[in-house]
């Protein structure tokens, strides 16, 4: 019984289509997965449809919302969201538009650094999905400006890089509230290196946070134990996933290779069912 609750597709910055991700998950013997594209739910319907061919694989509709804080970012995962909610889709569309504006700003900065990145190619790489920095990095790699995707972030488009640009700000609390309005379960993504994590958890739990990502790509056992203990202390579900994008490089954990307990998925499913019953009463 294997679980991976953090997967990306071509609906944002992943390399594989939703159908291909589901097929790969089934091939790897996973039991429960979640499609969590950045600021987009466009891949969920296709993933749910594809999963019908691979029983008993369960696909949880999800999303990953990027938020900004001074000097950094915080990501909020949303599980069991109503991906057909018009309000939710409009909110995500605004966030994707801000990503496009940021990407154009980054490309302009790269041009001033002597690197003319083809905007049309960046859009092609995004495939009509949410445009992210990995698409710019891929275009830079194709044009020979860098020798690896990671180099794009460390030298140019990472937060401290000369070509980095901000986008429309959304606070972590606002993202949690947005997920709740879409009838979803908000979870704090990859939190190990966040400053004042316990204070943040208290703030976000007051807004409706139900979990944190304790099992994650590259986390050491001591980090996992610390995060599981924090989750228990604050009555939060300890969740996890690989953050799979399909890059197939040495720096990415393959789908399903993070050891996420089945109990995590079972707790999320039970909570989602409980809340759904309350809504229908």
C-alpha atoms as a PDB file:
ATOM      1  CA  UNK A   1       0.000   0.000   0.000  1.00  0.00           C
ATOM      2  CA  UNK A   2       2.001   2.976  -1.279  1.00  0.00           C
ATOM      3  CA  UNK A   3       1.040   6.636  -1.218  1.00  0.00           C
ATOM      4  CA  UNK A   4       2.271   9.771  -3.027  1.00  0.00           C
ATOM      5  CA  UNK A   5       0.326  12.949  -2.362  1.00  0.00           C
ATOM      6  CA  UNK A   6       2.494  15.474  -4.192  1.00  0.00           C
ATOM      7  CA  UNK A   7       2.613  15.054  -7.982  1.00  0.00           C
ATOM      8  CA  UNK A   8       2.871  17.550 -10.835  1.00  0.00           C
ATOM      9  CA  UNK A   9       1.772  17.247 -14.461  1.00  0.00           C
ATOM     10  CA  UNK A  10       1.842  19.293 -17.644  1.00  0.00           C
ATOM     11  CA  UNK A  11      -1.024  21.328 -16.174  1.00  0.00           C
ATOM     12  CA  UNK A  12       1.748  23.224 -14.380  1.00  0.00           C
ATOM     13  CA  UNK A  13       5.486  22.507 -14.498  1.00  0.00           C
ATOM     14  CA  UNK A  14       5.563  18.714 -14.760  1.00  0.00           C
ATOM     15  CA  UNK A  15       6.899  16.837 -17.782  1.00  0.00           C
ATOM     16  CA  UNK A  16       4.191  14.148 -17.977  1.00  0.00           C
ATOM     17  CA  UNK A  17       0.514  14.513 -18.808  1.00  0.00           C
ATOM     18  CA  UNK A  18      -2.051  13.696 -16.091  1.00  0.00           C
ATOM     19  CA  UNK A  19      -2.798  10.434 -17.884  1.00  0.00           C
ATOM     20  CA  UNK A  20       0.905   9.521 -17.988  1.00  0.00           C
ATOM     21  CA  UNK A  21       1.340  10.287 -14.283  1.00  0.00           C
ATOM     22  CA  UNK A  22      -1.613   8.050 -13.411  1.00  0.00           C
ATOM     23  CA  UNK A  23      -0.291   5.276 -15.643  1.00  0.00           C
ATOM     24  CA  UNK A  24       3.149   5.533 -14.034  1.00  0.00           C
ATOM     25  CA  UNK A  25       1.631   5.504 -10.544  1.00  0.00           C
ATOM     26  CA  UNK A  26      -0.338   2.374 -11.394  1.00  0.00           C
ATOM     27  CA  UNK A  27       2.746   0.724 -12.906  1.00  0.00           C
ATOM     28  CA  UNK A  28       4.698   1.451  -9.731  1.00  0.00           C
ATOM     29  CA  UNK A  29       1.970  -0.155  -7.647  1.00  0.00           C
ATOM     30  CA  UNK A  30       0.739   2.941  -5.811  1.00  0.00           C
ATOM     31  CA  UNK A  31      -2.609   2.833  -4.022  1.00  0.00           C
ATOM     32  CA  UNK A  32      -3.369   6.534  -3.448  1.00  0.00           C
ATOM     33  CA  UNK A  33      -1.985   9.583  -5.260  1.00  0.00           C
ATOM     34  CA  UNK A  34      -2.857  13.252  -5.548  1.00  0.00           C
ATOM     35  CA  UNK A  35      -2.379  15.561  -8.516  1.00  0.00           C
ATOM     36  CA  UNK A  36      -1.179  18.852  -7.010  1.00  0.00           C
ATOM     37  CA  UNK A  37      -0.284  21.210  -9.821  1.00  0.00           C
ATOM     38  CA  UNK A  38       0.849  24.752  -9.082  1.00  0.00           C
ATOM     39  CA  UNK A  39      -2.106  27.142  -9.068  1.00  0.00           C
ATOM     40  CA  UNK A  40      -4.029  24.864 -11.433  1.00  0.00           C
ATOM     41  CA  UNK A  41      -6.655  22.136 -11.353  1.00  0.00           C
ATOM     42  CA  UNK A  42      -6.693  21.676 -15.119  1.00  0.00           C
ATOM     43  CA  UNK A  43      -5.167  18.196 -14.947  1.00  0.00           C
ATOM     44  CA  UNK A  44      -7.549  16.701 -12.404  1.00  0.00           C
ATOM     45  CA  UNK A  45     -10.424  15.656 -14.663  1.00  0.00           C
ATOM     46  CA  UNK A  46      -8.047  13.820 -17.006  1.00  0.00           C
ATOM     47  CA  UNK A  47      -6.304  12.124 -14.086  1.00  0.00           C
ATOM     48  CA  UNK A  48      -9.593  10.974 -12.553  1.00  0.00           C
ATOM     49  CA  UNK A  49     -10.733   9.607 -15.892  1.00  0.00           C
ATOM     50  CA  UNK A  50      -7.430   7.792 -16.439  1.00  0.00           C
ATOM     51  CA  UNK A  51      -7.605   6.230 -12.967  1.00  0.00           C
ATOM     52  CA  UNK A  52     -10.818   4.424 -13.925  1.00  0.00           C
ATOM     53  CA  UNK A  53      -8.656   2.098 -16.021  1.00  0.00           C
ATOM     54  CA  UNK A  54      -6.415   1.239 -13.063  1.00  0.00           C
ATOM     55  CA  UNK A  55      -8.516   0.073 -10.129  1.00  0.00           C
ATOM     56  CA  UNK A  56      -7.986   0.166  -7.202  1.00  0.00           C
ATOM     57  CA  UNK A  57      -5.739   3.250  -7.639  1.00  0.00           C
ATOM     58  CA  UNK A  58      -7.369   6.278  -5.996  1.00  0.00           C
ATOM     59  CA  UNK A  59      -6.666   9.812  -7.245  1.00  0.00           C
ATOM     60  CA  UNK A  60      -7.304  12.652  -4.801  1.00  0.00           C
ATOM     61  CA  UNK A  61      -8.071  15.996  -6.481  1.00  0.00           C
ATOM     62  CA  UNK A  62      -5.441  18.436  -5.278  1.00  0.00           C
ATOM     63  CA  UNK A  63      -3.594  21.677  -5.882  1.00  0.00           C
ATOM     64  CA  UNK A  64      -0.435  23.442  -4.703  1.00  0.00           C
ATOM     65  CA  UNK A  65      -0.836  27.163  -4.130  1.00  0.00           C
ATOM     66  CA  UNK A  66       2.306  29.269  -4.023  1.00  0.00           C
ATOM     67  CA  UNK A  67       2.286  32.109  -1.504  1.00  0.00           C
ATOM     68  CA  UNK A  68       4.817  34.777  -0.645  1.00  0.00           C
ATOM     69  CA  UNK A  69       6.273  35.997   2.620  1.00  0.00           C
ATOM     70  CA  UNK A  70       9.081  38.522   3.121  1.00  0.00           C
ATOM     71  CA  UNK A  71      12.239  36.872   1.813  1.00  0.00           C
ATOM     72  CA  UNK A  72      10.685  33.562   0.868  1.00  0.00           C
ATOM     73  CA  UNK A  73       7.773  31.416  -0.239  1.00  0.00           C
ATOM     74  CA  UNK A  74       5.307  29.141   1.508  1.00  0.00           C
ATOM     75  CA  UNK A  75       3.325  26.543  -0.427  1.00  0.00           C
ATOM     76  CA  UNK A  76      -0.102  25.302   0.597  1.00  0.00           C
ATOM     77  CA  UNK A  77      -1.413  21.972  -0.660  1.00  0.00           C
ATOM     78  CA  UNK A  78      -5.152  21.481  -0.965  1.00  0.00           C
ATOM     79  CA  UNK A  79      -6.674  17.977  -0.985  1.00  0.00           C
ATOM     80  CA  UNK A  80     -10.192  16.925  -1.989  1.00  0.00           C
ATOM     81  CA  UNK A  81     -10.805  20.383  -3.422  1.00  0.00           C
ATOM     82  CA  UNK A  82     -13.881  21.055  -5.530  1.00  0.00           C
ATOM     83  CA  UNK A  83     -11.946  21.410  -8.769  1.00  0.00           C
ATOM     84  CA  UNK A  84     -15.121  22.478 -10.596  1.00  0.00           C
ATOM     85  CA  UNK A  85     -15.782  25.446  -8.298  1.00  0.00           C
ATOM     86  CA  UNK A  86     -16.016  28.576 -10.456  1.00  0.00           C
ATOM     87  CA  UNK A  87     -14.808  30.814  -7.631  1.00  0.00           C
ATOM     88  CA  UNK A  88     -11.792  28.596  -7.091  1.00  0.00           C
ATOM     89  CA  UNK A  89     -10.983  28.431 -10.800  1.00  0.00           C
ATOM     90  CA  UNK A  90     -11.184  32.230 -11.086  1.00  0.00           C
ATOM     91  CA  UNK A  91      -8.831  32.667  -8.137  1.00  0.00           C
ATOM     92  CA  UNK A  92      -6.327  30.221  -9.625  1.00  0.00           C
ATOM     93  CA  UNK A  93      -6.592  31.926 -13.007  1.00  0.00           C
ATOM     94  CA  UNK A  94      -5.544  35.219 -11.399  1.00  0.00           C
ATOM     95  CA  UNK A  95      -2.553  33.482  -9.832  1.00  0.00           C
ATOM     96  CA  UNK A  96      -1.559  31.914 -13.156  1.00  0.00           C
ATOM     97  CA  UNK A  97      -1.811  35.312 -14.836  1.00  0.00           C
ATOM     98  CA  UNK A  98       0.560  36.731 -12.229  1.00  0.00           C
ATOM     99  CA  UNK A  99       2.949  33.865 -13.040  1.00  0.00           C
ATOM    100  CA  UNK A 100       2.898  34.878 -16.701  1.00  0.00           C
ATOM    101  CA  UNK A 101       3.679  38.493 -15.835  1.00  0.00           C
ATOM    102  CA  UNK A 102       6.528  37.367 -13.565  1.00  0.00           C
ATOM    103  CA  UNK A 103       7.930  35.124 -16.287  1.00  0.00           C
ATOM    104  CA  UNK A 104       7.997  38.036 -18.736  1.00  0.00           C
ATOM    105  CA  UNK A 105       9.828  40.153 -16.156  1.00  0.00           C
ATOM    106  CA  UNK A 106      12.412  37.397 -15.642  1.00  0.00           C
ATOM    107  CA  UNK A 107      12.970  37.035 -19.358  1.00  0.00           C
ATOM    108  CA  UNK A 108      13.505  40.791 -19.624  1.00  0.00           C
ATOM    109  CA  UNK A 109      16.091  40.646 -16.827  1.00  0.00           C
ATOM    110  CA  UNK A 110      17.831  37.706 -18.484  1.00  0.00           C
ATOM    111  CA  UNK A 111      17.991  39.697 -21.717  1.00  0.00           C
ATOM    112  CA  UNK A 112      19.762  42.514 -19.862  1.00  0.00           C
ATOM    113  CA  UNK A 113      22.249  39.883 -18.692  1.00  0.00           C
ATOM    114  CA  UNK A 114      22.903  38.899 -22.302  1.00  0.00           C
ATOM    115  CA  UNK A 115      20.604  35.851 -22.437  1.00  0.00           C
ATOM    116  CA  UNK A 116      17.803  36.206 -24.969  1.00  0.00           C
ATOM    117  CA  UNK A 117      15.259  33.595 -23.878  1.00  0.00           C
ATOM    118  CA  UNK A 118      12.525  32.856 -26.399  1.00  0.00           C
ATOM    119  CA  UNK A 119       9.151  33.708 -24.809  1.00  0.00           C
ATOM    120  CA  UNK A 120       7.238  31.660 -27.368  1.00  0.00           C
ATOM    121  CA  UNK A 121       9.345  28.628 -26.486  1.00  0.00           C
ATOM    122  CA  UNK A 122       8.617  29.132 -22.776  1.00  0.00           C
ATOM    123  CA  UNK A 123       4.891  29.114 -23.561  1.00  0.00           C
ATOM    124  CA  UNK A 124       5.318  25.975 -25.654  1.00  0.00           C
ATOM    125  CA  UNK A 125       7.097  24.240 -22.800  1.00  0.00           C
ATOM    126  CA  UNK A 126       4.234  25.189 -20.480  1.00  0.00           C
ATOM    127  CA  UNK A 127       1.859  23.560 -22.959  1.00  0.00           C
ATOM    128  CA  UNK A 128      -0.996  25.875 -22.087  1.00  0.00           C
ATOM    129  CA  UNK A 129      -0.607  25.121 -18.376  1.00  0.00           C
ATOM    130  CA  UNK A 130       0.585  27.293 -15.523  1.00  0.00           C
ATOM    131  CA  UNK A 131       3.931  28.906 -16.455  1.00  0.00           C
ATOM    132  CA  UNK A 132       6.676  28.352 -13.904  1.00  0.00           C
ATOM    133  CA  UNK A 133      10.373  28.975 -13.511  1.00  0.00           C
ATOM    134  CA  UNK A 134      11.209  25.409 -14.638  1.00  0.00           C
ATOM    135  CA  UNK A 135       9.892  26.320 -18.087  1.00  0.00           C
ATOM    136  CA  UNK A 136      12.264  29.289 -18.259  1.00  0.00           C
ATOM    137  CA  UNK A 137      15.087  27.070 -17.034  1.00  0.00           C
ATOM    138  CA  UNK A 138      14.330  24.504 -19.742  1.00  0.00           C
ATOM    139  CA  UNK A 139      14.373  27.203 -22.429  1.00  0.00           C
ATOM    140  CA  UNK A 140      17.698  28.479 -21.080  1.00  0.00           C
ATOM    141  CA  UNK A 141      19.115  24.958 -21.197  1.00  0.00           C
ATOM    142  CA  UNK A 142      17.953  24.429 -24.781  1.00  0.00           C
ATOM    143  CA  UNK A 143      19.583  27.695 -25.830  1.00  0.00           C
ATOM    144  CA  UNK A 144      22.877  26.745 -24.204  1.00  0.00           C
ATOM    145  CA  UNK A 145      22.954  29.441 -21.518  1.00  0.00           C
ATOM    146  CA  UNK A 146      23.247  26.888 -18.701  1.00  0.00           C
ATOM    147  CA  UNK A 147      24.531  23.334 -18.365  1.00  0.00           C
ATOM    148  CA  UNK A 148      21.777  22.062 -16.049  1.00  0.00           C
ATOM    149  CA  UNK A 149      18.306  23.065 -14.912  1.00  0.00           C
ATOM    150  CA  UNK A 150      19.553  23.532 -11.354  1.00  0.00           C
ATOM    151  CA  UNK A 151      22.136  26.033 -12.583  1.00  0.00           C
ATOM    152  CA  UNK A 152      19.355  28.298 -13.807  1.00  0.00           C
ATOM    153  CA  UNK A 153      18.032  28.593 -10.263  1.00  0.00           C
ATOM    154  CA  UNK A 154      21.335  28.834  -8.416  1.00  0.00           C
ATOM    155  CA  UNK A 155      22.810  31.461 -10.745  1.00  0.00           C
ATOM    156  CA  UNK A 156      19.922  33.395 -12.276  1.00  0.00           C
ATOM    157  CA  UNK A 157      16.244  32.822 -11.430  1.00  0.00           C
ATOM    158  CA  UNK A 158      16.376  31.648  -7.815  1.00  0.00           C
ATOM    159  CA  UNK A 159      15.090  34.069  -5.201  1.00  0.00           C
ATOM    160  CA  UNK A 160      18.558  35.590  -4.740  1.00  0.00           C
ATOM    161  CA  UNK A 161      19.374  35.527  -8.452  1.00  0.00           C
ATOM    162  CA  UNK A 162      19.798  38.626 -10.637  1.00  0.00           C
ATOM    163  CA  UNK A 163      16.887  37.640 -12.898  1.00  0.00           C
ATOM    164  CA  UNK A 164      14.383  36.817 -10.156  1.00  0.00           C
ATOM    165  CA  UNK A 165      11.096  38.711 -10.167  1.00  0.00           C
ATOM    166  CA  UNK A 166       8.213  38.849  -7.707  1.00  0.00           C
ATOM    167  CA  UNK A 167       4.611  38.114  -8.605  1.00  0.00           C
ATOM    168  CA  UNK A 168       1.212  38.945  -7.165  1.00  0.00           C
ATOM    169  CA  UNK A 169       1.371  38.255  -3.463  1.00  0.00           C
ATOM    170  CA  UNK A 170      -1.010  35.851  -1.762  1.00  0.00           C
ATOM    171  CA  UNK A 171      -0.549  35.235   1.951  1.00  0.00           C
ATOM    172  CA  UNK A 172      -0.391  31.700   3.382  1.00  0.00           C
ATOM    173  CA  UNK A 173      -3.528  32.393   5.444  1.00  0.00           C
ATOM    174  CA  UNK A 174      -5.382  33.570   2.331  1.00  0.00           C
ATOM    175  CA  UNK A 175      -4.350  30.366   0.519  1.00  0.00           C
ATOM    176  CA  UNK A 176      -5.623  28.201   3.391  1.00  0.00           C
ATOM    177  CA  UNK A 177      -8.910  30.089   3.345  1.00  0.00           C
ATOM    178  CA  UNK A 178      -9.128  29.716  -0.436  1.00  0.00           C
ATOM    179  CA  UNK A 179      -8.738  25.929  -0.162  1.00  0.00           C
ATOM    180  CA  UNK A 180     -11.411  25.770   2.535  1.00  0.00           C
ATOM    181  CA  UNK A 181     -13.862  27.753   0.406  1.00  0.00           C
ATOM    182  CA  UNK A 182     -13.280  25.108  -2.290  1.00  0.00           C
ATOM    183  CA  UNK A 183     -14.260  22.463   0.315  1.00  0.00           C
ATOM    184  CA  UNK A 184     -10.688  21.227   0.459  1.00  0.00           C
ATOM    185  CA  UNK A 185      -8.264  20.192   3.181  1.00  0.00           C
ATOM    186  CA  UNK A 186      -5.281  22.588   3.439  1.00  0.00           C
ATOM    187  CA  UNK A 187      -1.832  21.188   4.242  1.00  0.00           C
ATOM    188  CA  UNK A 188       1.497  23.014   4.635  1.00  0.00           C
ATOM    189  CA  UNK A 189       3.962  21.812   1.987  1.00  0.00           C
ATOM    190  CA  UNK A 190       7.683  20.959   2.556  1.00  0.00           C
ATOM    191  CA  UNK A 191       7.972  23.000   5.769  1.00  0.00           C
ATOM    192  CA  UNK A 192      11.288  21.757   7.210  1.00  0.00           C
ATOM    193  CA  UNK A 193      13.330  24.902   6.528  1.00  0.00           C
ATOM    194  CA  UNK A 194      10.699  27.533   7.271  1.00  0.00           C
ATOM    195  CA  UNK A 195      11.497  30.098   9.953  1.00  0.00           C
ATOM    196  CA  UNK A 196       9.403  29.996  13.138  1.00  0.00           C
ATOM    197  CA  UNK A 197       7.553  26.918  11.892  1.00  0.00           C
ATOM    198  CA  UNK A 198       5.631  26.413  15.115  1.00  0.00           C
ATOM    199  CA  UNK A 199       4.367  29.990  15.101  1.00  0.00           C
ATOM    200  CA  UNK A 200       3.339  29.586  11.470  1.00  0.00           C
ATOM    201  CA  UNK A 201       1.472  26.368  12.269  1.00  0.00           C
ATOM    202  CA  UNK A 202      -0.495  28.104  15.003  1.00  0.00           C
ATOM    203  CA  UNK A 203      -1.438  30.920  12.642  1.00  0.00           C
ATOM    204  CA  UNK A 204      -2.415  28.606   9.796  1.00  0.00           C
ATOM    205  CA  UNK A 205      -4.275  26.146  12.023  1.00  0.00           C
ATOM    206  CA  UNK A 206      -6.430  29.002  13.280  1.00  0.00           C
ATOM    207  CA  UNK A 207      -7.291  29.641   9.623  1.00  0.00           C
ATOM    208  CA  UNK A 208      -8.151  25.973   9.002  1.00  0.00           C
ATOM    209  CA  UNK A 209      -4.912  24.058   8.310  1.00  0.00           C
ATOM    210  CA  UNK A 210      -5.363  20.293   8.801  1.00  0.00           C
ATOM    211  CA  UNK A 211      -1.893  18.901   8.065  1.00  0.00           C
ATOM    212  CA  UNK A 212       1.764  19.373   7.251  1.00  0.00           C
ATOM    213  CA  UNK A 213       4.053  17.563   4.839  1.00  0.00           C
ATOM    214  CA  UNK A 214       6.391  15.533   7.038  1.00  0.00           C
ATOM    215  CA  UNK A 215       7.448  12.866   4.518  1.00  0.00           C
ATOM    216  CA  UNK A 216       9.104  14.629   1.592  1.00  0.00           C
ATOM    217  CA  UNK A 217      11.748  14.358  -1.093  1.00  0.00           C
ATOM    218  CA  UNK A 218      15.208  14.368   0.493  1.00  0.00           C
ATOM    219  CA  UNK A 219      14.124  14.667   4.139  1.00  0.00           C
ATOM    220  CA  UNK A 220      16.371  12.812   6.591  1.00  0.00           C
ATOM    221  CA  UNK A 221      14.842  10.611   9.280  1.00  0.00           C
ATOM    222  CA  UNK A 222      15.560  13.143  12.016  1.00  0.00           C
ATOM    223  CA  UNK A 223      13.723  15.813  10.022  1.00  0.00           C
ATOM    224  CA  UNK A 224      10.771  13.504   9.452  1.00  0.00           C
ATOM    225  CA  UNK A 225      10.616  12.614  13.161  1.00  0.00           C
ATOM    226  CA  UNK A 226      10.686  16.306  14.111  1.00  0.00           C
ATOM    227  CA  UNK A 227       7.873  17.167  11.709  1.00  0.00           C
ATOM    228  CA  UNK A 228       5.750  14.163  12.708  1.00  0.00           C
ATOM    229  CA  UNK A 229       6.133  15.212  16.349  1.00  0.00           C
ATOM    230  CA  UNK A 230       5.069  18.766  15.483  1.00  0.00           C
ATOM    231  CA  UNK A 231       2.054  17.447  13.599  1.00  0.00           C
ATOM    232  CA  UNK A 232       1.063  15.323  16.570  1.00  0.00           C
ATOM    233  CA  UNK A 233       1.562  18.198  18.997  1.00  0.00           C
ATOM    234  CA  UNK A 234      -0.796  20.417  17.018  1.00  0.00           C
ATOM    235  CA  UNK A 235      -3.299  17.685  16.043  1.00  0.00           C
ATOM    236  CA  UNK A 236      -2.370  17.888  12.371  1.00  0.00           C
ATOM    237  CA  UNK A 237      -2.153  15.068   9.830  1.00  0.00           C
ATOM    238  CA  UNK A 238       1.427  14.175   8.873  1.00  0.00           C
ATOM    239  CA  UNK A 239       1.261  13.992   5.066  1.00  0.00           C
ATOM    240  CA  UNK A 240       3.843  13.449   2.363  1.00  0.00           C
ATOM    241  CA  UNK A 241       4.871  12.950  -1.218  1.00  0.00           C
ATOM    242  CA  UNK A 242       7.704  13.038  -3.719  1.00  0.00           C
ATOM    243  CA  UNK A 243       7.011  16.424  -5.380  1.00  0.00           C
ATOM    244  CA  UNK A 244       7.451  14.503  -8.639  1.00  0.00           C
ATOM    245  CA  UNK A 245       7.795  16.555 -11.842  1.00  0.00           C
ATOM    246  CA  UNK A 246       9.037  13.917 -14.251  1.00  0.00           C
ATOM    247  CA  UNK A 247      12.470  15.469 -14.777  1.00  0.00           C
ATOM    248  CA  UNK A 248      14.132  12.033 -14.496  1.00  0.00           C
ATOM    249  CA  UNK A 249      17.305  13.579 -13.131  1.00  0.00           C
ATOM    250  CA  UNK A 250      19.465  12.607 -10.189  1.00  0.00           C
ATOM    251  CA  UNK A 251      18.044  15.485  -8.153  1.00  0.00           C
ATOM    252  CA  UNK A 252      14.451  14.218  -8.253  1.00  0.00           C
ATOM    253  CA  UNK A 253      12.905  11.431  -6.213  1.00  0.00           C
ATOM    254  CA  UNK A 254      10.935   9.066  -8.478  1.00  0.00           C
ATOM    255  CA  UNK A 255       7.188   8.777  -8.065  1.00  0.00           C
ATOM    256  CA  UNK A 256       6.211   6.785  -4.996  1.00  0.00           C
ATOM    257  CA  UNK A 257       9.745   6.553  -3.575  1.00  0.00           C
ATOM    258  CA  UNK A 258       9.059   8.657  -0.475  1.00  0.00           C
ATOM    259  CA  UNK A 259       7.936   6.337   2.304  1.00  0.00           C
ATOM    260  CA  UNK A 260       4.550   7.882   3.123  1.00  0.00           C
ATOM    261  CA  UNK A 261       2.450   5.861   5.595  1.00  0.00           C
ATOM    262  CA  UNK A 262      -0.924   4.691   4.317  1.00  0.00           C
ATOM    263  CA  UNK A 263      -2.377   6.102   7.528  1.00  0.00           C
ATOM    264  CA  UNK A 264      -1.764   9.602   6.139  1.00  0.00           C
ATOM    265  CA  UNK A 265      -4.076   9.023   3.190  1.00  0.00           C
ATOM    266  CA  UNK A 266      -6.612   7.207   5.354  1.00  0.00           C
ATOM    267  CA  UNK A 267      -6.806  10.155   7.750  1.00  0.00           C
ATOM    268  CA  UNK A 268      -7.284  12.630   4.898  1.00  0.00           C
ATOM    269  CA  UNK A 269      -9.966  10.445   3.311  1.00  0.00           C
ATOM    270  CA  UNK A 270     -11.795  10.038   6.622  1.00  0.00           C
ATOM    271  CA  UNK A 271     -11.705  13.784   7.315  1.00  0.00           C
ATOM    272  CA  UNK A 272     -12.935  14.572   3.797  1.00  0.00           C
ATOM    273  CA  UNK A 273     -15.809  12.123   4.203  1.00  0.00           C
ATOM    274  CA  UNK A 274     -16.710  13.558   7.603  1.00  0.00           C
ATOM    275  CA  UNK A 275     -16.831  17.112   6.255  1.00  0.00           C
ATOM    276  CA  UNK A 276     -18.828  16.036   3.208  1.00  0.00           C
ATOM    277  CA  UNK A 277     -21.468  14.513   5.508  1.00  0.00           C
ATOM    278  CA  UNK A 278     -21.664  17.726   7.519  1.00  0.00           C
ATOM    279  CA  UNK A 279     -22.244  19.717   4.324  1.00  0.00           C
ATOM    280  CA  UNK A 280     -25.074  17.458   3.180  1.00  0.00           C
ATOM    281  CA  UNK A 281     -26.908  17.537   6.531  1.00  0.00           C
END
